[in-house]
Amino acid sequence: MKAVLRLVVVGLAASCGLLSARSTADPVAVRYREGVVHGLLVLRSLDGEVLAGGELLQVPRGDRVTSRMVLTFKDGSVHDETVVFRQDRRFRLLSYRLVQKGPRFSRPMQVVLDGDGPVTVRHTDDDGEEKVESERIEVPADLANGLVPILLKNGRPGAPLEVSYLAATPKPTLVKLVVSRAGEDSFLVAGQPRKAHHYVVKVEIGGLKGVIADLLGKQPPDVHVWIAAGDAPGFVSSQGPLFMGGPVWRIDLAGPVWPEPAAAGRPSP
């Protein structure tokens, strides 16, 4: 029955066309300009197992910022995401590059978007063969790849937020991210309580593609992001898959653990 349903849906998609018209929103206004950042990250499963360590490296040059997040897994797998964006009055993505490789990723891939050029996706199919998908798209002004935590920092708590997102499925596909506020959550730092705004990011595929996703059970799970409350908002944690159909993992800020005792001139663990 499921196979028959799949054939019916695919046939319907082919006859009607997969690309549906969608409107885009204005880019998010800049309230807090991004500066130099070197953050330490840890990736865990939902049961607390440490899977990877990583870094967030961010460097501004004029009104342009290059932000790169690298996660290196214990088995050698790598998630490497780089975004270049402009921050004058509003945030605007200029280029994007994503590399996912290693056994942690069921479909190793590389995604490249440079300006208004075509989106190129290199991926390995189920038979182990490398495939290349290249498609020229009209890049939306509100494209948010690699920028979601930054946009949430600059949004006003409680205000609705909808942005565009380029999903590599592996065919390049534009979807919409709809952000809602889920209240405030408490967390501890050295036993002291802190507050974070909790946001839920829902992927809306839209049009016939959305119908197909629902029918085939492939609707992506919601992503959760926590932004520290207060006059200086900042990323605290996120929870969601790193790739289509992947498991839900959690990214947290990490602190250093020194291998040598304080007597050797370093802080104790």
Protein backbone atom coordinates (compact mmCIF):
# COMPACT_ATOMS: atom_id res chain seq x y z
CA MET A 1 0.00 0.00 0.00
CA LYS A 2 2.81 2.39 0.87
CA ALA A 3 4.55 1.64 -2.44
CA VAL A 4 1.34 2.33 -4.36
CA LEU A 5 0.87 5.60 -2.47
CA ARG A 6 4.43 6.60 -3.30
CA LEU A 7 3.85 5.96 -7.02
CA VAL A 8 0.61 7.95 -7.01
CA VAL A 9 2.21 10.89 -5.23
CA VAL A 10 5.28 10.93 -7.46
CA GLY A 11 3.12 10.77 -10.57
CA LEU A 12 0.97 13.64 -9.32
CA ALA A 13 4.08 15.70 -8.58
CA ALA A 14 5.47 15.08 -12.06
CA SER A 15 2.24 16.13 -13.73
CA CYS A 16 1.69 19.25 -11.66
CA GLY A 17 5.28 20.43 -11.18
CA LEU A 18 7.20 20.49 -7.91
CA LEU A 19 8.08 24.15 -7.64
CA SER A 20 5.31 26.20 -6.09
CA ALA A 21 5.10 29.96 -5.91
CA ARG A 22 5.96 31.43 -2.53
CA SER A 23 6.39 34.88 -1.12
CA THR A 24 9.49 36.02 0.75
CA ALA A 25 9.75 38.33 3.70
CA ASP A 26 12.11 41.25 4.22
CA PRO A 27 15.51 40.45 5.73
CA VAL A 28 15.76 40.81 9.51
CA ALA A 29 16.84 44.27 10.69
CA VAL A 30 20.20 44.58 12.44
CA ARG A 31 19.82 45.38 16.14
CA TYR A 32 23.11 43.86 17.35
CA ARG A 33 26.05 43.93 14.95
CA GLU A 34 28.09 40.73 14.83
CA GLY A 35 31.77 40.94 15.82
CA VAL A 36 34.74 38.63 16.31
CA VAL A 37 33.70 35.30 17.83
CA HIS A 38 35.64 32.14 18.69
CA GLY A 39 33.20 29.85 20.44
CA LEU A 40 33.63 26.26 21.59
CA LEU A 41 30.82 23.79 20.90
CA VAL A 42 29.88 20.24 21.83
CA LEU A 43 27.41 18.01 19.97
CA ARG A 44 25.49 15.40 21.95
CA SER A 45 22.80 12.83 21.36
CA LEU A 46 19.55 13.31 23.26
CA ASP A 47 20.68 10.75 25.84
CA GLY A 48 23.78 12.83 26.61
CA GLU A 49 26.47 10.95 24.66
CA VAL A 50 29.18 13.30 23.35
CA LEU A 51 29.41 12.81 19.58
CA ALA A 52 31.55 15.71 18.39
CA GLY A 53 33.42 18.79 19.42
CA GLY A 54 33.55 21.96 17.40
CA GLU A 55 34.16 25.64 16.98
CA LEU A 56 32.33 28.71 15.77
CA LEU A 57 34.72 31.15 14.08
CA GLN A 58 33.41 34.56 13.06
CA VAL A 59 35.31 37.51 11.59
CA PRO A 60 33.81 40.84 10.39
CA ARG A 61 35.38 42.93 7.63
CA GLY A 62 33.54 46.18 7.08
CA ASP A 63 29.85 45.40 6.77
CA ARG A 64 30.57 41.77 5.80
CA VAL A 65 30.96 38.87 8.21
CA THR A 66 32.33 35.39 7.59
CA SER A 67 30.97 32.81 10.03
CA ARG A 68 32.14 29.18 10.05
CA MET A 69 30.96 26.31 12.24
CA VAL A 70 32.97 23.07 12.21
CA LEU A 71 31.93 19.92 14.08
CA THR A 72 34.41 17.02 14.15
CA PHE A 73 33.01 13.66 15.23
CA LYS A 74 34.85 10.98 17.14
CA ASP A 75 34.68 8.69 14.08
CA GLY A 76 36.24 11.34 11.83
CA SER A 77 33.02 12.62 10.27
CA VAL A 78 32.89 16.38 9.65
CA HIS A 79 30.12 18.96 9.42
CA ASP A 80 31.64 22.19 8.02
CA GLU A 81 29.31 25.15 7.36
CA THR A 82 30.45 28.61 6.19
CA VAL A 83 28.24 31.62 5.51
CA VAL A 84 29.22 35.11 4.39
CA PHE A 85 26.64 37.78 5.09
CA ARG A 86 26.22 41.53 5.04
CA GLN A 87 25.06 43.55 8.03
CA ASP A 88 24.31 47.15 7.20
CA ARG A 89 20.71 47.89 8.04
CA ARG A 90 19.54 44.33 7.48
CA PHE A 91 21.15 40.91 7.38
CA ARG A 92 21.64 39.51 3.87
CA LEU A 93 23.30 36.23 2.94
CA LEU A 94 25.99 36.58 0.24
CA SER A 95 27.42 33.06 -0.04
CA TYR A 96 27.03 29.67 1.60
CA ARG A 97 29.03 26.44 1.69
CA LEU A 98 28.24 23.20 3.49
CA VAL A 99 30.36 20.05 3.61
CA GLN A 100 29.17 16.88 5.34
CA LYS A 101 31.33 13.78 5.07
CA GLY A 102 32.07 10.59 6.98
CA PRO A 103 30.09 7.63 8.31
CA ARG A 104 27.81 9.78 10.50
CA PHE A 105 26.14 11.12 7.36
CA SER A 106 24.01 8.71 5.37
CA ARG A 107 24.51 10.84 2.25
CA PRO A 108 27.83 12.76 2.19
CA MET A 109 27.36 16.03 0.36
CA GLN A 110 28.71 19.45 -0.50
CA VAL A 111 26.46 22.46 -1.11
CA VAL A 112 27.76 25.67 -2.68
CA LEU A 113 25.86 28.91 -3.27
CA ASP A 114 27.78 32.00 -4.35
CA GLY A 115 25.77 35.19 -4.78
CA ASP A 116 23.09 34.85 -7.42
CA GLY A 117 24.90 31.98 -9.12
CA PRO A 118 23.54 28.47 -9.36
CA VAL A 119 23.26 26.21 -6.33
CA THR A 120 25.51 23.19 -6.75
CA VAL A 121 25.02 20.04 -4.68
CA ARG A 122 27.49 17.16 -4.87
CA HIS A 123 26.31 14.03 -3.10
CA THR A 124 26.82 10.29 -2.97
CA ASP A 125 23.77 8.24 -3.86
CA ASP A 126 22.68 4.91 -2.36
CA ASP A 127 24.92 3.02 -4.79
CA GLY A 128 28.01 4.97 -3.75
CA GLU A 129 28.15 7.01 -6.97
CA GLU A 130 28.81 10.75 -6.89
CA LYS A 131 26.04 12.87 -8.34
CA VAL A 132 25.96 16.61 -9.10
CA GLU A 133 22.80 18.71 -9.01
CA SER A 134 23.06 22.31 -10.22
CA GLU A 135 20.13 24.67 -10.36
CA ARG A 136 19.84 28.43 -10.73
CA ILE A 137 17.38 29.86 -8.25
CA GLU A 138 16.19 33.34 -7.43
CA VAL A 139 17.97 33.87 -4.11
CA PRO A 140 15.45 35.29 -1.60
CA ALA A 141 16.49 38.38 0.33
CA ASP A 142 15.58 36.61 3.58
CA LEU A 143 17.62 33.42 2.96
CA ALA A 144 18.69 32.21 6.42
CA ASN A 145 21.14 29.32 5.93
CA GLY A 146 23.73 29.48 8.71
CA LEU A 147 22.06 32.59 10.17
CA VAL A 148 19.14 31.34 12.26
CA PRO A 149 20.68 31.95 15.75
CA ILE A 150 21.86 35.41 14.65
CA LEU A 151 18.42 36.32 13.34
CA LEU A 152 16.79 35.12 16.56
CA LYS A 153 19.18 37.28 18.60
CA ASN A 154 18.06 40.31 16.57
CA GLY A 155 14.36 39.55 16.48
CA ARG A 156 12.05 40.95 19.08
CA PRO A 157 10.79 38.30 21.54
CA GLY A 158 7.26 37.31 20.68
CA ALA A 159 7.32 38.86 17.22
CA PRO A 160 6.55 36.41 14.38
CA LEU A 161 9.45 35.47 12.14
CA GLU A 162 9.38 33.72 8.76
CA VAL A 163 12.49 33.28 6.61
CA SER A 164 13.58 31.29 3.58
CA TYR A 165 15.92 28.31 3.76
CA LEU A 166 17.74 26.33 1.10
CA ALA A 167 17.39 22.62 1.79
CA ALA A 168 19.64 20.12 0.03
CA THR A 169 17.39 17.08 -0.35
CA PRO A 170 19.75 16.52 -2.33
CA LYS A 171 18.05 18.52 -5.06
CA PRO A 172 18.21 22.22 -4.05
CA THR A 173 14.81 23.17 -2.64
CA LEU A 174 13.58 26.42 -1.12
CA VAL A 175 11.45 26.01 2.00
CA LYS A 176 10.15 28.36 4.65
CA LEU A 177 11.14 28.42 8.32
CA VAL A 178 8.37 29.60 10.62
CA VAL A 179 9.58 30.59 14.09
CA SER A 180 7.36 30.68 17.15
CA ARG A 181 8.13 31.57 20.74
CA ALA A 182 7.83 28.78 23.33
CA GLY A 183 8.38 30.90 26.43
CA GLU A 184 11.42 31.08 28.68
CA ASP A 185 13.43 28.15 30.02
CA SER A 186 15.83 28.11 32.96
CA PHE A 187 19.35 26.71 32.91
CA LEU A 188 22.31 26.77 35.31
CA VAL A 189 25.83 28.16 35.01
CA ALA A 190 28.06 27.10 37.92
CA GLY A 191 24.89 26.47 39.92
CA GLN A 192 23.49 29.94 39.21
CA PRO A 193 20.17 30.25 37.38
CA ARG A 194 19.91 31.90 33.97
CA LYS A 195 17.02 32.47 31.56
CA ALA A 196 16.84 31.71 27.84
CA HIS A 197 14.19 32.47 25.24
CA HIS A 198 13.01 29.19 23.72
CA TYR A 199 12.16 29.27 20.00
CA VAL A 200 10.61 26.53 17.87
CA VAL A 201 11.58 26.52 14.19
CA LYS A 202 9.14 24.66 11.94
CA VAL A 203 9.96 23.73 8.35
CA GLU A 204 7.11 24.50 5.95
CA ILE A 205 7.74 22.88 2.59
CA GLY A 206 4.59 24.34 1.07
CA GLY A 207 2.56 23.53 -2.00
CA LEU A 208 2.48 20.04 -3.46
CA LYS A 209 5.87 19.23 -1.94
CA GLY A 210 4.39 19.71 1.51
CA VAL A 211 1.55 17.33 0.69
CA ILE A 212 4.08 14.75 -0.52
CA ALA A 213 6.17 15.12 2.63
CA ASP A 214 3.15 14.61 4.87
CA LEU A 215 1.91 11.59 2.90
CA LEU A 216 5.31 9.89 2.91
CA GLY A 217 6.10 10.75 6.53
CA LYS A 218 9.09 12.88 5.62
CA GLN A 219 8.11 16.15 7.27
CA PRO A 220 11.30 17.38 9.05
CA PRO A 221 11.08 17.57 12.85
CA ASP A 222 10.97 20.96 14.54
CA VAL A 223 14.25 22.60 15.53
CA HIS A 224 14.56 24.16 19.00
CA VAL A 225 16.88 27.10 19.69
CA TRP A 226 17.64 28.79 23.02
CA ILE A 227 18.88 32.40 23.12
CA ALA A 228 20.12 33.92 26.38
CA ALA A 229 17.74 36.59 27.64
CA GLY A 230 18.77 40.11 28.66
CA ASP A 231 20.42 43.16 27.14
CA ALA A 232 23.09 41.06 25.40
CA PRO A 233 21.29 38.10 23.79
CA GLY A 234 23.45 35.16 22.76
CA PHE A 235 23.23 31.58 21.55
CA VAL A 236 22.95 28.96 24.30
CA SER A 237 21.81 25.75 22.64
CA SER A 238 19.99 24.19 19.69
CA GLN A 239 18.34 20.85 19.08
CA GLY A 240 17.49 19.31 15.73
CA PRO A 241 18.81 17.20 12.82
CA LEU A 242 21.89 18.23 10.84
CA PHE A 243 20.66 16.58 7.65
CA MET A 244 17.43 15.44 6.05
CA GLY A 245 16.19 12.31 7.77
CA GLY A 246 18.98 12.46 10.34
CA PRO A 247 18.69 11.98 14.11
CA VAL A 248 17.94 14.85 16.46
CA TRP A 249 21.15 16.08 18.10
CA ARG A 250 21.89 18.91 20.51
CA ILE A 251 24.56 21.62 20.14
CA ASP A 252 25.66 23.37 23.34
CA LEU A 253 28.32 25.88 24.27
CA ALA A 254 31.38 24.14 25.71
CA GLY A 255 34.09 25.13 28.18
CA PRO A 256 37.73 24.03 28.18
CA VAL A 257 38.90 21.10 30.28
CA TRP A 258 42.59 21.39 31.12
CA PRO A 259 44.59 18.14 31.27
CA GLU A 260 47.24 19.53 33.62
CA PRO A 261 46.67 20.61 37.26
CA ALA A 262 46.86 24.20 38.44
CA ALA A 263 50.37 23.60 39.79
CA ALA A 264 51.63 23.42 36.22
CA GLY A 265 50.44 26.96 35.61
CA ARG A 266 47.09 26.10 34.10
CA PRO A 267 43.58 26.29 35.54
CA SER A 268 42.43 23.11 37.24
CA PRO A 269 39.56 21.18 35.60
